C-alpha cells in the first residue's frame, strides 16, 4: 500500500518537481515544500496616469460644428433674408431722418444744401448699424473665423470646459462667433480673441436670433460672462502659456 512520504510504504513515491513543490506522481499530492526560485524577472508595468485617450485625442469643440454655425449665420437663406430686412429698415429710418432735416431747412427758410443735409442726417442716425448689402462669397471669412474660434477654444479648453455643459456647447460656439465682432484683450496687450470687423455688418442682429434662428439672444451675454469670469482669475503668465499651446485635444 502506498502512503506519500511514509518510510514504510510498499511502493515509494515517484517524485517530480511541480513549481515550488515536490509532488508524488502516483497520488498527485505534495510531499514537501521547497523554494526552488533561482531567478526573478520584474514584469511590472508602470501605470500611465495621464488623460484617457478618448479625452486627450478628441477636441472639445468640433471644427465642423463651428463651420456649420458660421454658414447658418452668414450664408444661409435665413441670414440673407434677415440682412435684407434690416437693410430695408435702416433705409426707411434714413429716409425719415432726411425728410425731417429737409423740412427743418424749409421751415427755417434756408437754401437746400445736400451735403450739409446728408451730414445732419448721419448725425441724427448716430451709431445705427448699416448692414452689408448683397450676399457675397463668405468662404474666406468663414475659414478665418472658424480658425480663430478653434484656436481660442483649444488653448483654453481645460479652464472653460467645466463651465460649459455639453448641452450648451452649440450656444457657446454662437456666442464666441459674436465675440469676434469686437474681440477680447486681456492685460491690455494679450489678444485672446481676435477682432473681425467685417462681422459687425454681416452677422444678424442679436434681437433677430430668436425669431429667425430659434436661438435665444441671451446666449451672447452668457458666453461673454463665462469667458471673462474664467479668464480674469488667471494671471498674465498662465494666459500666455495657454495661448502658446496650439495642439488640438
Protein backbone atom coordinates (compact mmCIF):
# COMPACT_ATOMS: atom_id res chain seq x y z
CA UNK A 1 0.00 0.00 0.00
CA UNK A 2 1.34 3.43 -0.91
CA UNK A 3 1.50 6.32 1.57
CA UNK A 4 3.06 9.56 0.31
CA UNK A 5 6.20 10.43 2.23
CA UNK A 6 5.89 7.33 4.52
CA UNK A 7 9.17 5.48 5.05
CA UNK A 8 7.48 2.06 5.41
CA UNK A 9 5.39 2.33 2.25
CA UNK A 10 5.47 -0.73 -0.03
CA UNK A 11 5.69 1.43 -3.12
CA UNK A 12 7.90 4.52 -2.73
CA UNK A 13 6.86 7.91 -4.08
CA UNK A 14 7.76 8.80 -7.60
CA UNK A 15 8.76 12.41 -7.13
CA UNK A 16 8.60 15.18 -9.69
CA UNK A 17 9.02 18.93 -9.39
CA UNK A 18 5.83 20.99 -9.64
CA UNK A 19 6.76 24.69 -9.49
CA UNK A 20 7.98 25.21 -5.88
CA UNK A 21 6.78 21.85 -4.60
CA UNK A 22 7.85 18.19 -4.76
CA UNK A 23 4.80 16.17 -5.83
CA UNK A 24 4.07 12.46 -5.80
CA UNK A 25 3.40 11.25 -9.32
CA UNK A 26 1.23 8.38 -8.05
CA UNK A 27 -1.24 10.35 -5.92
CA UNK A 28 -0.63 13.91 -7.11
CA UNK A 29 -0.15 15.08 -3.51
CA UNK A 30 2.56 17.47 -2.38
CA UNK A 31 5.21 15.68 -0.41
CA UNK A 32 7.07 18.67 0.91
CA UNK A 33 7.50 22.38 0.20
CA UNK A 34 10.69 23.68 -1.25
CA UNK A 35 11.69 27.00 -2.70
CA UNK A 36 13.50 26.37 -5.96
CA UNK A 37 13.43 30.03 -7.03
CA UNK A 38 16.72 30.78 -8.75
CA UNK A 39 15.94 33.97 -10.62
CA UNK A 40 13.28 36.66 -10.68
CA UNK A 41 12.06 38.76 -13.58
CA UNK A 42 10.23 42.01 -12.85
CA UNK A 43 7.31 42.26 -15.26
CA UNK A 44 5.60 45.22 -13.56
CA UNK A 45 4.30 47.84 -15.99
CA UNK A 46 4.15 51.48 -14.92
CA UNK A 47 0.61 52.85 -14.96
CA UNK A 48 0.19 55.96 -17.07
CA UNK A 49 -1.93 58.44 -15.13
CA UNK A 50 -2.48 60.92 -17.95
CA UNK A 51 -5.79 61.82 -19.56
CA UNK A 52 -7.75 58.93 -21.10
CA UNK A 53 -7.09 58.51 -24.84
CA UNK A 54 -10.66 59.41 -25.81
CA UNK A 55 -10.35 62.70 -23.89
CA UNK A 56 -6.83 63.54 -25.00
CA UNK A 57 -7.37 62.95 -28.69
CA UNK A 58 -10.92 64.23 -29.15
CA UNK A 59 -11.24 68.02 -29.46
CA UNK A 60 -13.59 69.77 -27.07
CA UNK A 61 -15.10 71.97 -29.79
CA UNK A 62 -15.59 70.29 -33.16
CA UNK A 63 -14.46 72.41 -36.11
CA UNK A 64 -17.36 71.05 -38.17
CA UNK A 65 -19.81 72.50 -35.65
CA UNK A 66 -18.11 75.91 -35.79
CA UNK A 67 -18.17 75.97 -39.60
CA UNK A 68 -21.78 74.81 -39.65
CA UNK A 69 -22.95 77.65 -37.40
CA UNK A 70 -20.89 80.21 -39.33
CA UNK A 71 -22.59 79.11 -42.53
CA UNK A 72 -26.00 79.33 -40.88
CA UNK A 73 -25.34 82.83 -39.55
CA UNK A 74 -23.61 84.23 -42.65
CA UNK A 75 -24.60 82.28 -45.77
CA UNK A 76 -27.97 80.62 -45.13
CA UNK A 77 -31.28 81.73 -46.62
CA UNK A 78 -32.44 82.84 -43.17
CA UNK A 79 -29.33 85.01 -42.79
CA UNK A 80 -29.84 86.64 -46.20
CA UNK A 81 -33.49 87.35 -45.50
CA UNK A 82 -32.64 88.77 -42.11
CA UNK A 83 -29.96 91.01 -43.61
CA UNK A 84 -32.27 92.21 -46.41
CA UNK A 85 -34.97 93.03 -43.86
CA UNK A 86 -32.50 95.03 -41.80
CA UNK A 87 -31.29 96.92 -44.89
CA UNK A 88 -34.85 97.97 -45.63
CA UNK A 89 -35.39 99.02 -42.03
CA UNK A 90 -32.24 101.14 -41.99
CA UNK A 91 -33.17 102.68 -45.35
CA UNK A 92 -36.62 103.62 -44.02
CA UNK A 93 -35.08 105.22 -40.95
CA UNK A 94 -32.60 107.16 -43.08
CA UNK A 95 -35.37 108.36 -45.41
CA UNK A 96 -37.48 109.58 -42.50
CA UNK A 97 -34.50 111.31 -40.90
CA UNK A 98 -33.55 113.06 -44.17
CA UNK A 99 -37.17 114.18 -44.66
CA UNK A 100 -37.19 115.76 -41.20
CA UNK A 101 -33.91 117.57 -41.89
CA UNK A 102 -35.21 118.83 -45.26
CA UNK A 103 -38.42 120.02 -43.62
CA UNK A 104 -36.42 121.91 -40.99
CA UNK A 105 -34.44 123.63 -43.77
CA UNK A 106 -37.68 124.65 -45.50
CA UNK A 107 -39.33 125.98 -42.34
CA UNK A 108 -36.21 127.96 -41.49
CA UNK A 109 -36.09 129.45 -44.99
CA UNK A 110 -32.59 128.11 -45.58
CA UNK A 111 -31.48 127.24 -49.10
CA UNK A 112 -31.08 123.48 -49.60
CA UNK A 113 -27.55 122.18 -49.18
CA UNK A 114 -27.47 118.49 -49.99
CA UNK A 115 -24.05 117.84 -48.43
CA UNK A 116 -24.96 119.60 -45.19
CA UNK A 117 -28.34 117.86 -45.11
CA UNK A 118 -26.73 114.45 -45.50
CA UNK A 119 -24.26 115.32 -42.72
CA UNK A 120 -27.08 116.28 -40.38
CA UNK A 121 -28.97 113.11 -41.29
CA UNK A 122 -25.94 110.97 -40.46
CA UNK A 123 -25.63 112.78 -37.12
CA UNK A 124 -29.30 112.13 -36.33
CA UNK A 125 -28.94 108.43 -37.13
CA UNK A 126 -25.95 108.26 -34.78
CA UNK A 127 -24.39 104.82 -34.33
CA UNK A 128 -27.12 102.97 -36.20
CA UNK A 129 -25.58 99.85 -37.75
CA UNK A 130 -25.54 99.82 -41.53
CA UNK A 131 -25.64 96.16 -42.62
CA UNK A 132 -23.69 94.95 -45.61
CA UNK A 133 -25.88 94.76 -48.71
CA UNK A 134 -25.59 91.74 -51.02
CA UNK A 135 -24.86 88.11 -50.27
CA UNK A 136 -21.23 87.92 -51.40
CA UNK A 137 -18.84 85.00 -51.03
CA UNK A 138 -18.02 84.45 -47.38
CA UNK A 139 -15.94 81.28 -47.66
CA UNK A 140 -12.65 83.01 -46.78
CA UNK A 141 -14.29 84.84 -43.89
CA UNK A 142 -15.86 81.62 -42.57
CA UNK A 143 -12.50 79.83 -42.69
CA UNK A 144 -10.76 82.68 -40.86
CA UNK A 145 -13.45 82.89 -38.17
CA UNK A 146 -13.53 79.12 -37.68
CA UNK A 147 -9.76 79.08 -37.25
CA UNK A 148 -9.93 81.88 -34.66
CA UNK A 149 -12.67 80.14 -32.66
CA UNK A 150 -10.81 76.82 -32.72
CA UNK A 151 -7.54 78.40 -31.58
CA UNK A 152 -9.25 80.06 -28.63
CA UNK A 153 -11.34 77.01 -27.66
CA UNK A 154 -8.31 74.74 -27.90
CA UNK A 155 -5.98 76.97 -25.91
CA UNK A 156 -8.43 77.47 -23.03
CA UNK A 157 -10.21 74.12 -23.19
CA UNK A 158 -9.28 72.90 -19.71
CA UNK A 159 -10.41 76.09 -17.95
CA UNK A 160 -13.57 76.70 -19.99
CA UNK A 161 -14.96 73.18 -20.43
CA UNK A 162 -16.02 72.78 -16.74
CA UNK A 163 -18.10 75.97 -17.05
CA UNK A 164 -19.87 74.92 -20.28
CA UNK A 165 -22.21 71.90 -20.12
CA UNK A 166 -22.18 69.73 -23.28
CA UNK A 167 -25.84 70.58 -23.96
CA UNK A 168 -24.91 74.28 -24.22
CA UNK A 169 -21.84 73.83 -26.41
CA UNK A 170 -23.62 74.96 -29.60
CA UNK A 171 -24.85 78.10 -27.84
CA UNK A 172 -21.30 78.71 -26.61
CA UNK A 173 -19.98 78.45 -30.17
CA UNK A 174 -22.52 81.03 -31.39
CA UNK A 175 -21.52 83.31 -28.53
CA UNK A 176 -17.84 83.02 -29.48
CA UNK A 177 -18.69 83.90 -33.09
CA UNK A 178 -20.44 87.07 -31.92
CA UNK A 179 -17.49 87.91 -29.65
CA UNK A 180 -15.32 88.06 -32.78
CA UNK A 181 -17.04 91.33 -33.69
CA UNK A 182 -15.11 93.22 -31.01
CA UNK A 183 -12.51 90.67 -29.91
CA UNK A 184 -11.17 90.30 -26.38
CA UNK A 185 -7.95 91.73 -24.96
CA UNK A 186 -6.55 90.73 -21.55
CA UNK A 187 -3.94 92.62 -19.56
CA UNK A 188 -4.14 95.44 -22.16
CA UNK A 189 -1.84 93.65 -24.61
CA UNK A 190 -2.82 89.98 -24.92
CA UNK A 191 -5.32 89.44 -27.75
CA UNK A 192 -7.17 86.36 -26.59
CA UNK A 193 -9.95 86.60 -29.19
CA UNK A 194 -9.11 88.43 -32.43
CA UNK A 195 -11.31 91.20 -33.77
CA UNK A 196 -13.06 90.64 -37.10
CA UNK A 197 -14.68 93.99 -38.08
CA UNK A 198 -16.50 92.52 -41.11
CA UNK A 199 -18.79 90.57 -38.78
CA UNK A 200 -20.29 93.78 -37.43
CA UNK A 201 -22.12 94.34 -40.71
CA UNK A 202 -22.73 90.71 -41.65
CA UNK A 203 -23.97 88.90 -38.55
CA UNK A 204 -27.72 89.10 -37.88
CA UNK A 205 -28.80 91.43 -35.11
CA UNK A 206 -28.90 89.81 -31.69
CA UNK A 207 -32.59 90.60 -31.34
CA UNK A 208 -33.41 88.63 -34.51
CA UNK A 209 -31.75 85.37 -33.41
CA UNK A 210 -34.81 84.08 -31.58
CA UNK A 211 -37.28 84.78 -34.39
CA UNK A 212 -35.19 83.62 -37.36
CA UNK A 213 -32.72 81.07 -35.95
CA UNK A 214 -34.55 79.71 -32.87
CA UNK A 215 -31.63 80.81 -30.71
CA UNK A 216 -32.12 82.99 -27.60
CA UNK A 217 -30.15 86.21 -27.82
CA UNK A 218 -29.12 85.95 -24.15
CA UNK A 219 -26.53 83.28 -25.06
CA UNK A 220 -24.21 86.02 -26.34
CA UNK A 221 -24.15 87.77 -22.97
CA UNK A 222 -23.86 84.44 -21.17
CA UNK A 223 -20.86 83.43 -23.29
CA UNK A 224 -19.11 86.74 -22.65
CA UNK A 225 -19.70 86.39 -18.91
CA UNK A 226 -18.35 82.82 -18.85
CA UNK A 227 -15.23 83.70 -20.80
CA UNK A 228 -14.45 86.86 -18.84
CA UNK A 229 -15.17 85.35 -15.42
CA UNK A 230 -12.94 82.35 -16.12
CA UNK A 231 -10.05 84.26 -17.66
CA UNK A 232 -9.97 87.12 -15.16
CA UNK A 233 -9.00 84.59 -12.46
CA UNK A 234 -5.85 83.73 -14.43
CA UNK A 235 -2.67 85.73 -14.28
CA UNK A 236 -0.82 87.04 -17.31
CA UNK A 237 1.77 84.24 -17.30
CA UNK A 238 -0.87 81.49 -17.27
CA UNK A 239 -2.80 83.10 -20.13
CA UNK A 240 0.31 83.40 -22.27
CA UNK A 241 1.26 79.79 -21.51
CA UNK A 242 -2.13 78.53 -22.69
CA UNK A 243 -2.03 80.66 -25.82
CA UNK A 244 1.36 79.17 -26.67
CA UNK A 245 -0.21 75.70 -26.92
CA UNK A 246 -1.55 75.12 -30.41
CA UNK A 247 -2.16 71.36 -30.27
CA UNK A 248 -5.77 70.24 -30.57
CA UNK A 249 -7.19 67.89 -27.98
